N, C-alpha and C. Protein backbone atom coordinates (compact mmCIF):
# COMPACT_ATOMS: atom_id res chain seq x y z
N MET A 1 0.83 -1.21 0.00
CA MET A 1 0.00 0.00 0.00
C MET A 1 0.85 1.25 0.00
N ASP A 2 2.03 1.20 0.63
CA ASP A 2 2.90 2.37 0.67
C ASP A 2 3.32 2.79 -0.74
N GLU A 3 3.57 1.80 -1.61
CA GLU A 3 3.95 2.11 -2.99
C GLU A 3 2.80 2.79 -3.74
N VAL A 4 1.61 2.35 -3.50
CA VAL A 4 0.43 2.95 -4.12
C VAL A 4 0.29 4.40 -3.69
N LEU A 5 0.42 4.65 -2.38
CA LEU A 5 0.27 6.01 -1.86
C LEU A 5 1.37 6.93 -2.37
N ALA A 6 2.60 6.42 -2.48
CA ALA A 6 3.69 7.22 -3.03
C ALA A 6 3.41 7.59 -4.47
N ASP A 7 2.82 6.66 -5.23
CA ASP A 7 2.47 6.92 -6.62
C ASP A 7 1.42 8.01 -6.73
N TYR A 8 0.39 7.92 -5.87
CA TYR A 8 -0.65 8.96 -5.88
C TYR A 8 -0.09 10.31 -5.47
N ALA A 9 0.76 10.34 -4.47
CA ALA A 9 1.35 11.60 -4.01
C ALA A 9 2.16 12.24 -5.12
N ALA A 10 2.91 11.43 -5.87
CA ALA A 10 3.74 11.96 -6.96
C ALA A 10 2.91 12.47 -8.12
N SER A 11 1.71 11.91 -8.29
CA SER A 11 0.88 12.27 -9.44
C SER A 11 -0.23 13.27 -9.09
N ALA A 12 -0.21 13.82 -7.87
CA ALA A 12 -1.27 14.73 -7.42
C ALA A 12 -1.08 16.12 -8.00
N THR A 13 -1.15 16.21 -9.32
CA THR A 13 -1.00 17.49 -10.01
C THR A 13 -2.32 18.25 -9.98
N PRO A 14 -2.29 19.56 -10.21
CA PRO A 14 -3.54 20.31 -10.30
C PRO A 14 -4.49 19.74 -11.36
N GLU A 15 -3.92 19.24 -12.46
CA GLU A 15 -4.74 18.68 -13.53
C GLU A 15 -5.46 17.42 -13.07
N LEU A 16 -4.73 16.54 -12.38
CA LEU A 16 -5.36 15.31 -11.89
C LEU A 16 -6.43 15.63 -10.87
N ILE A 17 -6.14 16.56 -9.96
CA ILE A 17 -7.10 16.94 -8.92
C ILE A 17 -8.36 17.53 -9.55
N ALA A 18 -8.19 18.40 -10.55
CA ALA A 18 -9.35 19.01 -11.20
C ALA A 18 -10.18 17.95 -11.93
N GLY A 19 -9.50 17.01 -12.58
CA GLY A 19 -10.21 15.96 -13.28
C GLY A 19 -10.98 15.05 -12.34
N TYR A 20 -10.36 14.72 -11.22
CA TYR A 20 -11.01 13.88 -10.22
C TYR A 20 -12.25 14.57 -9.68
N ASP A 21 -12.13 15.84 -9.36
CA ASP A 21 -13.24 16.54 -8.73
C ASP A 21 -14.35 16.90 -9.71
N SER A 22 -14.07 16.78 -11.01
CA SER A 22 -15.08 17.13 -12.00
C SER A 22 -16.06 16.00 -12.28
N LEU A 23 -15.75 14.78 -11.84
CA LEU A 23 -16.66 13.66 -12.06
C LEU A 23 -17.91 13.81 -11.19
N SER A 24 -19.02 13.32 -11.68
CA SER A 24 -20.31 13.51 -11.01
C SER A 24 -20.61 12.39 -10.03
N PRO A 25 -20.73 12.70 -8.74
CA PRO A 25 -21.12 11.65 -7.78
C PRO A 25 -22.48 11.03 -8.11
N GLU A 26 -23.40 11.82 -8.66
CA GLU A 26 -24.70 11.26 -9.03
C GLU A 26 -24.54 10.11 -10.02
N GLN A 27 -23.63 10.28 -10.98
CA GLN A 27 -23.38 9.22 -11.95
C GLN A 27 -22.59 8.07 -11.32
N ILE A 28 -21.61 8.41 -10.51
CA ILE A 28 -20.76 7.39 -9.91
C ILE A 28 -21.58 6.43 -9.06
N TYR A 29 -22.51 6.95 -8.27
CA TYR A 29 -23.27 6.13 -7.34
C TYR A 29 -24.63 5.71 -7.90
N ALA A 30 -24.83 5.85 -9.20
CA ALA A 30 -26.12 5.52 -9.80
C ALA A 30 -26.51 4.07 -9.55
N ALA A 31 -25.54 3.16 -9.57
CA ALA A 31 -25.84 1.74 -9.42
C ALA A 31 -26.34 1.38 -8.02
N VAL A 32 -26.09 2.26 -7.04
CA VAL A 32 -26.51 2.00 -5.66
C VAL A 32 -27.39 3.12 -5.13
N ARG A 33 -27.95 3.90 -6.02
CA ARG A 33 -28.73 5.09 -5.64
C ARG A 33 -29.83 4.74 -4.62
N ASP A 34 -30.52 3.64 -4.84
CA ASP A 34 -31.65 3.30 -3.98
C ASP A 34 -31.24 2.89 -2.57
N PHE A 35 -29.94 2.72 -2.33
CA PHE A 35 -29.45 2.28 -1.03
C PHE A 35 -28.69 3.37 -0.28
N LEU A 36 -28.72 4.58 -0.82
CA LEU A 36 -28.10 5.71 -0.13
C LEU A 36 -29.08 6.27 0.90
N PRO A 37 -28.58 6.78 2.02
CA PRO A 37 -29.48 7.26 3.08
C PRO A 37 -30.27 8.49 2.66
N ARG A 38 -31.53 8.52 3.07
CA ARG A 38 -32.41 9.64 2.73
C ARG A 38 -32.56 10.64 3.88
N THR A 39 -32.10 10.25 5.07
CA THR A 39 -32.08 11.16 6.21
C THR A 39 -30.65 11.26 6.71
N PRO A 40 -30.29 12.33 7.40
CA PRO A 40 -28.89 12.54 7.80
C PRO A 40 -28.34 11.41 8.66
N VAL A 41 -27.15 10.93 8.31
CA VAL A 41 -26.46 9.87 9.06
C VAL A 41 -24.98 10.24 9.14
N ARG A 42 -24.23 9.43 9.88
CA ARG A 42 -22.77 9.57 9.95
C ARG A 42 -22.14 8.68 8.89
N ILE A 43 -21.26 9.28 8.08
CA ILE A 43 -20.64 8.58 6.95
C ILE A 43 -19.13 8.69 7.06
N ALA A 44 -18.44 7.58 6.78
CA ALA A 44 -16.99 7.60 6.62
C ALA A 44 -16.67 7.29 5.16
N ASP A 45 -15.96 8.18 4.50
CA ASP A 45 -15.53 8.00 3.12
C ASP A 45 -14.05 7.63 3.15
N ILE A 46 -13.76 6.35 2.91
CA ILE A 46 -12.40 5.83 3.03
C ILE A 46 -11.67 5.94 1.70
N GLY A 47 -10.51 6.60 1.71
CA GLY A 47 -9.81 6.88 0.46
C GLY A 47 -10.54 7.98 -0.29
N ALA A 48 -10.79 9.08 0.41
CA ALA A 48 -11.69 10.12 -0.08
C ALA A 48 -11.11 10.99 -1.17
N GLY A 49 -9.80 10.88 -1.43
CA GLY A 49 -9.20 11.72 -2.46
C GLY A 49 -9.33 13.18 -2.11
N THR A 50 -9.88 13.95 -3.04
CA THR A 50 -10.05 15.39 -2.81
C THR A 50 -11.38 15.73 -2.14
N GLY A 51 -12.11 14.71 -1.72
CA GLY A 51 -13.35 14.97 -0.99
C GLY A 51 -14.56 15.22 -1.86
N ARG A 52 -14.47 14.88 -3.14
CA ARG A 52 -15.59 15.11 -4.06
C ARG A 52 -16.87 14.45 -3.55
N ASP A 53 -16.80 13.16 -3.26
CA ASP A 53 -17.99 12.43 -2.80
C ASP A 53 -18.38 12.85 -1.39
N ALA A 54 -17.39 13.04 -0.53
CA ALA A 54 -17.66 13.44 0.85
C ALA A 54 -18.42 14.76 0.88
N ALA A 55 -18.00 15.71 0.06
CA ALA A 55 -18.67 17.02 0.02
C ALA A 55 -20.09 16.89 -0.52
N TRP A 56 -20.29 16.00 -1.48
CA TRP A 56 -21.62 15.78 -2.05
C TRP A 56 -22.57 15.24 -0.98
N PHE A 57 -22.09 14.28 -0.20
CA PHE A 57 -22.92 13.74 0.87
C PHE A 57 -23.14 14.78 1.97
N ALA A 58 -22.10 15.53 2.30
CA ALA A 58 -22.25 16.58 3.32
C ALA A 58 -23.28 17.62 2.89
N GLY A 59 -23.33 17.90 1.60
CA GLY A 59 -24.31 18.85 1.07
C GLY A 59 -25.74 18.38 1.22
N GLN A 60 -25.91 17.08 1.46
CA GLN A 60 -27.25 16.53 1.69
C GLN A 60 -27.60 16.46 3.18
N GLY A 61 -26.72 16.99 4.02
CA GLY A 61 -26.99 17.05 5.45
C GLY A 61 -26.33 15.97 6.27
N HIS A 62 -25.55 15.09 5.64
CA HIS A 62 -24.87 14.04 6.39
C HIS A 62 -23.61 14.58 7.07
N ARG A 63 -23.21 13.94 8.15
CA ARG A 63 -21.94 14.25 8.82
C ARG A 63 -20.88 13.31 8.27
N VAL A 64 -19.90 13.87 7.60
CA VAL A 64 -18.98 13.04 6.82
C VAL A 64 -17.54 13.19 7.32
N LEU A 65 -16.91 12.05 7.56
CA LEU A 65 -15.49 11.98 7.86
C LEU A 65 -14.79 11.47 6.60
N ALA A 66 -13.90 12.28 6.05
CA ALA A 66 -13.14 11.91 4.85
C ALA A 66 -11.78 11.39 5.29
N VAL A 67 -11.51 10.14 5.01
CA VAL A 67 -10.26 9.49 5.41
C VAL A 67 -9.35 9.41 4.19
N GLU A 68 -8.21 10.10 4.23
CA GLU A 68 -7.33 10.18 3.06
C GLU A 68 -5.87 10.30 3.51
N PRO A 69 -5.02 9.35 3.11
CA PRO A 69 -3.62 9.37 3.55
C PRO A 69 -2.70 10.27 2.73
N VAL A 70 -3.12 10.73 1.56
CA VAL A 70 -2.25 11.56 0.71
C VAL A 70 -2.46 13.03 1.06
N GLN A 71 -1.42 13.66 1.60
CA GLN A 71 -1.54 15.03 2.11
C GLN A 71 -1.97 16.01 1.03
N ALA A 72 -1.47 15.84 -0.19
CA ALA A 72 -1.83 16.76 -1.28
C ALA A 72 -3.32 16.71 -1.57
N PHE A 73 -3.92 15.53 -1.48
CA PHE A 73 -5.36 15.42 -1.71
C PHE A 73 -6.14 16.05 -0.56
N ARG A 74 -5.70 15.84 0.67
CA ARG A 74 -6.39 16.45 1.81
C ARG A 74 -6.34 17.97 1.71
N ALA A 75 -5.18 18.51 1.35
CA ALA A 75 -5.04 19.97 1.23
C ALA A 75 -5.95 20.50 0.12
N ALA A 76 -5.98 19.79 -1.01
CA ALA A 76 -6.85 20.22 -2.11
C ALA A 76 -8.31 20.14 -1.69
N GLY A 77 -8.67 19.08 -0.97
CA GLY A 77 -10.05 18.94 -0.52
C GLY A 77 -10.47 20.05 0.42
N ALA A 78 -9.59 20.41 1.34
CA ALA A 78 -9.91 21.50 2.26
C ALA A 78 -10.09 22.81 1.51
N ALA A 79 -9.27 23.03 0.49
CA ALA A 79 -9.38 24.27 -0.30
C ALA A 79 -10.65 24.27 -1.16
N LEU A 80 -10.99 23.12 -1.70
CA LEU A 80 -12.15 23.04 -2.60
C LEU A 80 -13.48 23.04 -1.85
N HIS A 81 -13.52 22.39 -0.70
CA HIS A 81 -14.80 22.12 -0.05
C HIS A 81 -14.95 22.74 1.33
N GLY A 82 -13.97 23.52 1.75
CA GLY A 82 -14.09 24.24 3.01
C GLY A 82 -14.26 23.32 4.20
N ASP A 83 -15.09 23.73 5.15
CA ASP A 83 -15.23 22.98 6.40
C ASP A 83 -16.47 22.09 6.42
N ARG A 84 -17.01 21.79 5.25
CA ARG A 84 -18.19 20.91 5.21
C ARG A 84 -17.85 19.48 5.60
N VAL A 85 -16.55 19.12 5.46
CA VAL A 85 -16.10 17.76 5.68
C VAL A 85 -15.01 17.76 6.75
N THR A 86 -15.02 16.75 7.63
CA THR A 86 -13.95 16.55 8.60
C THR A 86 -12.93 15.59 7.98
N TRP A 87 -11.64 15.91 8.10
CA TRP A 87 -10.59 15.11 7.46
C TRP A 87 -9.81 14.31 8.49
N LEU A 88 -9.38 13.12 8.07
CA LEU A 88 -8.56 12.25 8.91
C LEU A 88 -7.44 11.66 8.05
N ASP A 89 -6.20 11.78 8.52
CA ASP A 89 -5.05 11.17 7.86
C ASP A 89 -4.92 9.74 8.38
N ASP A 90 -5.36 8.78 7.58
CA ASP A 90 -5.33 7.38 7.98
C ASP A 90 -5.39 6.54 6.72
N GLN A 91 -5.07 5.25 6.84
CA GLN A 91 -5.05 4.42 5.64
C GLN A 91 -5.41 2.97 5.94
N LEU A 92 -5.89 2.31 4.91
CA LEU A 92 -6.14 0.88 4.96
C LEU A 92 -4.82 0.13 4.95
N PRO A 93 -4.77 -1.11 5.48
CA PRO A 93 -5.95 -1.90 5.88
C PRO A 93 -6.38 -1.73 7.33
N ARG A 94 -5.55 -1.10 8.19
CA ARG A 94 -5.87 -1.14 9.62
C ARG A 94 -6.73 0.03 10.10
N LEU A 95 -6.60 1.21 9.47
CA LEU A 95 -7.40 2.36 9.87
C LEU A 95 -7.35 2.59 11.37
N ALA A 96 -6.14 2.71 11.91
CA ALA A 96 -5.95 2.80 13.35
C ALA A 96 -6.61 4.02 13.96
N GLY A 97 -6.74 5.10 13.20
CA GLY A 97 -7.32 6.32 13.75
C GLY A 97 -8.82 6.43 13.61
N LEU A 98 -9.45 5.45 12.97
CA LEU A 98 -10.88 5.55 12.67
C LEU A 98 -11.80 5.21 13.83
N PRO A 99 -11.53 4.17 14.63
CA PRO A 99 -12.48 3.76 15.67
C PRO A 99 -12.96 4.88 16.60
N PRO A 100 -12.12 5.84 17.03
CA PRO A 100 -12.64 6.88 17.92
C PRO A 100 -13.73 7.74 17.29
N HIS A 101 -13.81 7.75 15.95
CA HIS A 101 -14.84 8.53 15.26
C HIS A 101 -16.11 7.71 15.01
N ALA A 102 -16.04 6.41 15.23
CA ALA A 102 -17.16 5.51 14.94
C ALA A 102 -18.20 5.57 16.06
N PRO A 103 -19.40 4.98 15.84
CA PRO A 103 -19.78 4.18 14.69
C PRO A 103 -20.41 5.02 13.58
N PHE A 104 -20.49 4.40 12.40
CA PHE A 104 -21.06 5.04 11.22
C PHE A 104 -22.23 4.22 10.70
N GLU A 105 -23.22 4.91 10.18
CA GLU A 105 -24.34 4.22 9.52
C GLU A 105 -23.98 3.82 8.09
N LEU A 106 -22.99 4.52 7.51
CA LEU A 106 -22.57 4.22 6.14
C LEU A 106 -21.07 4.41 6.02
N VAL A 107 -20.42 3.42 5.42
CA VAL A 107 -19.00 3.53 5.07
C VAL A 107 -18.88 3.35 3.57
N LEU A 108 -18.14 4.26 2.93
CA LEU A 108 -17.93 4.24 1.49
C LEU A 108 -16.51 3.83 1.17
N LEU A 109 -16.36 2.94 0.20
CA LEU A 109 -15.04 2.56 -0.30
C LEU A 109 -15.14 2.55 -1.82
N CYS A 110 -14.92 3.72 -2.41
CA CYS A 110 -15.10 3.90 -3.85
C CYS A 110 -13.73 3.95 -4.53
N ALA A 111 -13.48 2.99 -5.44
CA ALA A 111 -12.24 2.96 -6.24
C ALA A 111 -11.00 2.82 -5.37
N VAL A 112 -11.08 1.96 -4.36
CA VAL A 112 -9.96 1.76 -3.43
C VAL A 112 -9.57 0.29 -3.32
N TRP A 113 -10.56 -0.61 -3.31
CA TRP A 113 -10.35 -2.01 -2.96
C TRP A 113 -9.28 -2.68 -3.82
N HIS A 114 -9.17 -2.31 -5.10
CA HIS A 114 -8.22 -2.96 -6.00
C HIS A 114 -6.77 -2.60 -5.69
N HIS A 115 -6.54 -1.62 -4.82
CA HIS A 115 -5.18 -1.27 -4.41
C HIS A 115 -4.68 -2.13 -3.24
N LEU A 116 -5.57 -2.89 -2.63
CA LEU A 116 -5.18 -3.77 -1.53
C LEU A 116 -4.91 -5.17 -2.06
N ASP A 117 -3.84 -5.79 -1.58
CA ASP A 117 -3.59 -7.17 -1.94
C ASP A 117 -4.50 -8.08 -1.12
N PRO A 118 -4.58 -9.38 -1.44
CA PRO A 118 -5.51 -10.25 -0.71
C PRO A 118 -5.33 -10.24 0.81
N ALA A 119 -4.09 -10.20 1.28
CA ALA A 119 -3.86 -10.16 2.73
C ALA A 119 -4.39 -8.86 3.33
N GLY A 120 -4.19 -7.76 2.61
CA GLY A 120 -4.70 -6.47 3.07
C GLY A 120 -6.21 -6.45 3.12
N ARG A 121 -6.85 -7.07 2.15
CA ARG A 121 -8.31 -7.13 2.15
C ARG A 121 -8.84 -7.96 3.31
N ALA A 122 -8.18 -9.08 3.57
CA ALA A 122 -8.60 -9.92 4.70
C ALA A 122 -8.48 -9.18 6.02
N CYS A 123 -7.50 -8.31 6.14
CA CYS A 123 -7.33 -7.49 7.34
C CYS A 123 -8.36 -6.37 7.38
N ALA A 124 -8.63 -5.74 6.22
CA ALA A 124 -9.46 -4.54 6.17
C ALA A 124 -10.94 -4.82 6.40
N MET A 125 -11.46 -5.93 5.87
CA MET A 125 -12.91 -6.14 5.92
C MET A 125 -13.46 -6.16 7.34
N PRO A 126 -12.85 -6.91 8.29
CA PRO A 126 -13.39 -6.86 9.66
C PRO A 126 -13.23 -5.50 10.32
N VAL A 127 -12.21 -4.74 9.93
CA VAL A 127 -12.05 -3.38 10.46
C VAL A 127 -13.22 -2.52 9.99
N LEU A 128 -13.55 -2.60 8.71
CA LEU A 128 -14.66 -1.83 8.16
C LEU A 128 -15.98 -2.24 8.80
N ALA A 129 -16.19 -3.55 8.97
CA ALA A 129 -17.41 -4.01 9.62
C ALA A 129 -17.48 -3.52 11.06
N GLY A 130 -16.33 -3.44 11.70
CA GLY A 130 -16.30 -3.07 13.11
C GLY A 130 -16.68 -1.64 13.41
N VAL A 131 -16.60 -0.75 12.41
CA VAL A 131 -16.95 0.66 12.66
C VAL A 131 -18.37 0.99 12.19
N LEU A 132 -19.11 -0.04 11.73
CA LEU A 132 -20.49 0.17 11.33
C LEU A 132 -21.45 -0.07 12.49
N THR A 133 -22.55 0.65 12.50
CA THR A 133 -23.64 0.36 13.43
C THR A 133 -24.34 -0.93 12.99
N PRO A 134 -25.01 -1.64 13.90
CA PRO A 134 -25.85 -2.76 13.45
C PRO A 134 -26.87 -2.26 12.42
N GLY A 135 -26.93 -2.95 11.30
CA GLY A 135 -27.80 -2.49 10.21
C GLY A 135 -27.16 -1.46 9.32
N GLY A 136 -25.95 -1.02 9.68
CA GLY A 136 -25.24 -0.05 8.84
C GLY A 136 -24.74 -0.70 7.56
N ARG A 137 -24.40 0.14 6.58
CA ARG A 137 -24.05 -0.36 5.26
C ARG A 137 -22.63 0.03 4.86
N LEU A 138 -21.97 -0.91 4.19
CA LEU A 138 -20.70 -0.65 3.52
C LEU A 138 -20.97 -0.69 2.02
N ILE A 139 -20.68 0.40 1.33
CA ILE A 139 -20.79 0.42 -0.13
C ILE A 139 -19.39 0.32 -0.70
N LEU A 140 -19.18 -0.73 -1.50
CA LEU A 140 -17.85 -1.09 -1.97
C LEU A 140 -17.87 -1.21 -3.49
N SER A 141 -16.92 -0.54 -4.17
CA SER A 141 -16.81 -0.69 -5.62
C SER A 141 -15.57 -1.50 -5.95
N LEU A 142 -15.73 -2.43 -6.90
CA LEU A 142 -14.66 -3.32 -7.30
C LEU A 142 -14.31 -3.04 -8.77
N ARG A 143 -13.06 -2.68 -9.01
CA ARG A 143 -12.62 -2.32 -10.36
C ARG A 143 -12.17 -3.56 -11.14
N HIS A 144 -12.65 -3.66 -12.38
CA HIS A 144 -12.23 -4.73 -13.29
C HIS A 144 -11.61 -4.07 -14.51
N ASP A 145 -10.29 -4.19 -14.64
CA ASP A 145 -9.54 -3.46 -15.66
C ASP A 145 -8.73 -4.44 -16.51
N PRO A 146 -9.09 -4.60 -17.79
CA PRO A 146 -8.33 -5.52 -18.64
C PRO A 146 -6.93 -5.03 -18.97
N ASN A 147 -6.66 -3.76 -18.73
CA ASN A 147 -5.34 -3.18 -19.03
C ASN A 147 -4.81 -2.48 -17.79
N ALA A 148 -3.60 -2.81 -17.39
CA ALA A 148 -2.99 -2.14 -16.23
C ALA A 148 -2.86 -0.65 -16.51
N ASP A 149 -3.12 0.18 -15.49
CA ASP A 149 -3.05 1.63 -15.68
C ASP A 149 -1.77 2.25 -15.13
N GLY A 150 -0.82 1.40 -14.74
CA GLY A 150 0.46 1.95 -14.27
C GLY A 150 0.58 1.98 -12.77
N ARG A 151 -0.54 1.92 -12.05
CA ARG A 151 -0.48 1.90 -10.59
C ARG A 151 -0.53 0.45 -10.11
N LEU A 152 -0.03 0.22 -8.93
CA LEU A 152 -0.05 -1.12 -8.36
C LEU A 152 -1.49 -1.50 -8.03
N THR A 153 -2.01 -2.47 -8.75
CA THR A 153 -3.39 -2.91 -8.53
C THR A 153 -3.44 -4.44 -8.50
N PHE A 154 -4.53 -4.95 -7.97
CA PHE A 154 -4.74 -6.38 -7.87
C PHE A 154 -6.13 -6.70 -8.37
N PRO A 155 -6.33 -7.86 -9.00
CA PRO A 155 -7.68 -8.24 -9.40
C PRO A 155 -8.62 -8.21 -8.20
N ALA A 156 -9.87 -7.80 -8.45
CA ALA A 156 -10.83 -7.62 -7.35
C ALA A 156 -12.10 -8.41 -7.64
N PRO A 157 -12.02 -9.74 -7.55
CA PRO A 157 -13.22 -10.55 -7.82
C PRO A 157 -14.30 -10.34 -6.77
N SER A 158 -15.53 -10.28 -7.24
CA SER A 158 -16.64 -10.06 -6.30
C SER A 158 -16.79 -11.22 -5.33
N GLU A 159 -16.49 -12.45 -5.79
CA GLU A 159 -16.64 -13.62 -4.92
C GLU A 159 -15.75 -13.51 -3.68
N GLU A 160 -14.54 -13.00 -3.87
CA GLU A 160 -13.62 -12.84 -2.74
C GLU A 160 -14.16 -11.82 -1.75
N ALA A 161 -14.60 -10.67 -2.26
CA ALA A 161 -15.12 -9.61 -1.38
C ALA A 161 -16.34 -10.09 -0.61
N ILE A 162 -17.24 -10.81 -1.29
CA ILE A 162 -18.46 -11.29 -0.64
C ILE A 162 -18.13 -12.30 0.45
N ALA A 163 -17.17 -13.19 0.17
CA ALA A 163 -16.78 -14.18 1.19
C ALA A 163 -16.18 -13.51 2.41
N LEU A 164 -15.31 -12.53 2.20
CA LEU A 164 -14.71 -11.79 3.32
C LEU A 164 -15.78 -11.04 4.10
N ALA A 165 -16.73 -10.45 3.38
CA ALA A 165 -17.81 -9.70 4.04
C ALA A 165 -18.63 -10.61 4.93
N ARG A 166 -19.00 -11.77 4.43
CA ARG A 166 -19.83 -12.68 5.23
C ARG A 166 -19.09 -13.14 6.48
N GLU A 167 -17.79 -13.39 6.34
CA GLU A 167 -16.99 -13.79 7.51
C GLU A 167 -16.94 -12.67 8.55
N ALA A 168 -17.03 -11.42 8.08
CA ALA A 168 -16.96 -10.27 8.98
C ALA A 168 -18.32 -9.84 9.51
N GLY A 169 -19.38 -10.58 9.18
CA GLY A 169 -20.71 -10.26 9.70
C GLY A 169 -21.51 -9.32 8.82
N LEU A 170 -21.19 -9.28 7.52
CA LEU A 170 -21.90 -8.43 6.57
C LEU A 170 -22.61 -9.29 5.54
N ASP A 171 -23.84 -8.94 5.23
CA ASP A 171 -24.61 -9.66 4.22
C ASP A 171 -24.76 -8.81 2.97
N VAL A 172 -24.84 -9.47 1.81
CA VAL A 172 -25.01 -8.76 0.55
C VAL A 172 -26.47 -8.33 0.40
N THR A 173 -26.68 -7.03 0.34
CA THR A 173 -28.02 -6.47 0.14
C THR A 173 -28.27 -6.20 -1.34
N HIS A 174 -27.20 -5.88 -2.07
CA HIS A 174 -27.36 -5.51 -3.47
C HIS A 174 -26.03 -5.70 -4.19
N GLN A 175 -26.10 -6.14 -5.45
CA GLN A 175 -24.92 -6.26 -6.29
C GLN A 175 -25.29 -5.79 -7.69
N ALA A 176 -24.45 -4.93 -8.27
CA ALA A 176 -24.74 -4.39 -9.59
C ALA A 176 -23.45 -4.20 -10.39
N GLU A 177 -23.58 -4.31 -11.70
CA GLU A 177 -22.46 -4.09 -12.60
C GLU A 177 -22.65 -2.74 -13.30
N ALA A 178 -21.55 -2.04 -13.55
CA ALA A 178 -21.65 -0.72 -14.17
C ALA A 178 -20.41 -0.42 -15.00
N GLU A 179 -20.60 0.37 -16.06
CA GLU A 179 -19.48 0.89 -16.82
C GLU A 179 -18.80 1.99 -16.02
N SER A 180 -17.57 2.31 -16.39
CA SER A 180 -16.87 3.41 -15.75
C SER A 180 -17.49 4.75 -16.15
N VAL A 181 -17.58 5.67 -15.20
CA VAL A 181 -18.06 7.02 -15.49
C VAL A 181 -16.99 7.82 -16.23
N HIS A 182 -15.73 7.52 -15.95
CA HIS A 182 -14.62 8.22 -16.57
C HIS A 182 -14.49 7.77 -18.03
N ALA A 183 -14.55 8.72 -18.96
CA ALA A 183 -14.61 8.39 -20.39
C ALA A 183 -13.41 7.57 -20.85
N GLU A 184 -12.22 7.96 -20.45
CA GLU A 184 -11.02 7.25 -20.89
C GLU A 184 -11.00 5.83 -20.34
N SER A 185 -11.35 5.67 -19.07
CA SER A 185 -11.40 4.34 -18.48
C SER A 185 -12.45 3.47 -19.18
N ARG A 186 -13.60 4.07 -19.47
CA ARG A 186 -14.66 3.33 -20.16
C ARG A 186 -14.18 2.86 -21.53
N ALA A 187 -13.47 3.73 -22.25
CA ALA A 187 -12.94 3.37 -23.56
C ALA A 187 -11.92 2.23 -23.46
N ASN A 188 -11.25 2.13 -22.31
CA ASN A 188 -10.25 1.08 -22.10
C ASN A 188 -10.85 -0.20 -21.53
N GLY A 189 -12.17 -0.23 -21.42
CA GLY A 189 -12.84 -1.45 -20.99
C GLY A 189 -12.98 -1.63 -19.50
N VAL A 190 -12.74 -0.59 -18.72
CA VAL A 190 -12.87 -0.70 -17.27
C VAL A 190 -14.34 -0.79 -16.88
N ARG A 191 -14.64 -1.77 -16.03
CA ARG A 191 -15.99 -1.93 -15.50
C ARG A 191 -15.92 -2.05 -13.99
N TRP A 192 -17.07 -1.91 -13.35
CA TRP A 192 -17.12 -1.94 -11.89
C TRP A 192 -18.23 -2.86 -11.41
N THR A 193 -17.97 -3.54 -10.32
CA THR A 193 -19.03 -4.21 -9.55
C THR A 193 -19.27 -3.40 -8.29
N TRP A 194 -20.52 -3.12 -8.01
CA TRP A 194 -20.89 -2.39 -6.79
C TRP A 194 -21.58 -3.34 -5.83
N LEU A 195 -21.12 -3.34 -4.59
CA LEU A 195 -21.71 -4.16 -3.53
C LEU A 195 -22.27 -3.26 -2.43
N VAL A 196 -23.46 -3.55 -1.99
CA VAL A 196 -24.02 -2.95 -0.78
C VAL A 196 -24.06 -4.06 0.26
N LEU A 197 -23.29 -3.88 1.33
CA LEU A 197 -23.13 -4.89 2.37
C LEU A 197 -23.70 -4.35 3.67
N THR A 198 -24.58 -5.11 4.30
CA THR A 198 -25.28 -4.66 5.50
C THR A 198 -24.83 -5.46 6.71
N LYS A 199 -24.52 -4.75 7.81
CA LYS A 199 -24.04 -5.42 9.01
C LYS A 199 -25.18 -6.09 9.75
N ARG A 200 -24.97 -7.34 10.10
CA ARG A 200 -25.97 -8.06 10.85
C ARG A 200 -26.13 -7.46 12.25
N GLY A 201 -27.30 -7.59 12.81
CA GLY A 201 -27.45 -7.08 14.14
C GLY A 201 -28.83 -6.66 14.48
């Protein structure tokens, strides 16, 4: 994971940040729209980048903690979105700084899971389940990329994620397939599986 974070830190140019923040959360979360909270809840956005999604949820009245280990992204997020979002410098798989902020009704993991190797995922899933309220939801996106994009990534089969989730006390509420919202990624054949996982309790 350290190599992945170093790569992101080195590539955190103004152009990349602007491109990331220009994508539409409404389009990104379309596959799980019906499972997003309709009343204010506590949300943790893990791997929040520049806070694009976190700010969108905060704008709907939710209390959002944006967890992002890359300092350049946190700084950009604070400049772009002001104080609507609370920021935390922490990283997967252990998220050592997250429990004091818990519990959360919703945890988001958008475009992150493929950066964790299988051992990291096995460590991360029970941590994520542990910061959810009973009945709380984890929304997880799994990237399927036929062409490597230059960053350290690992295949992200849905079967693996579902098995880890069930072991951690999470049940599959919804599963959907979607094309990439990013035009270049879509042209390169990138697709996503979206999972809505609900904590038993």
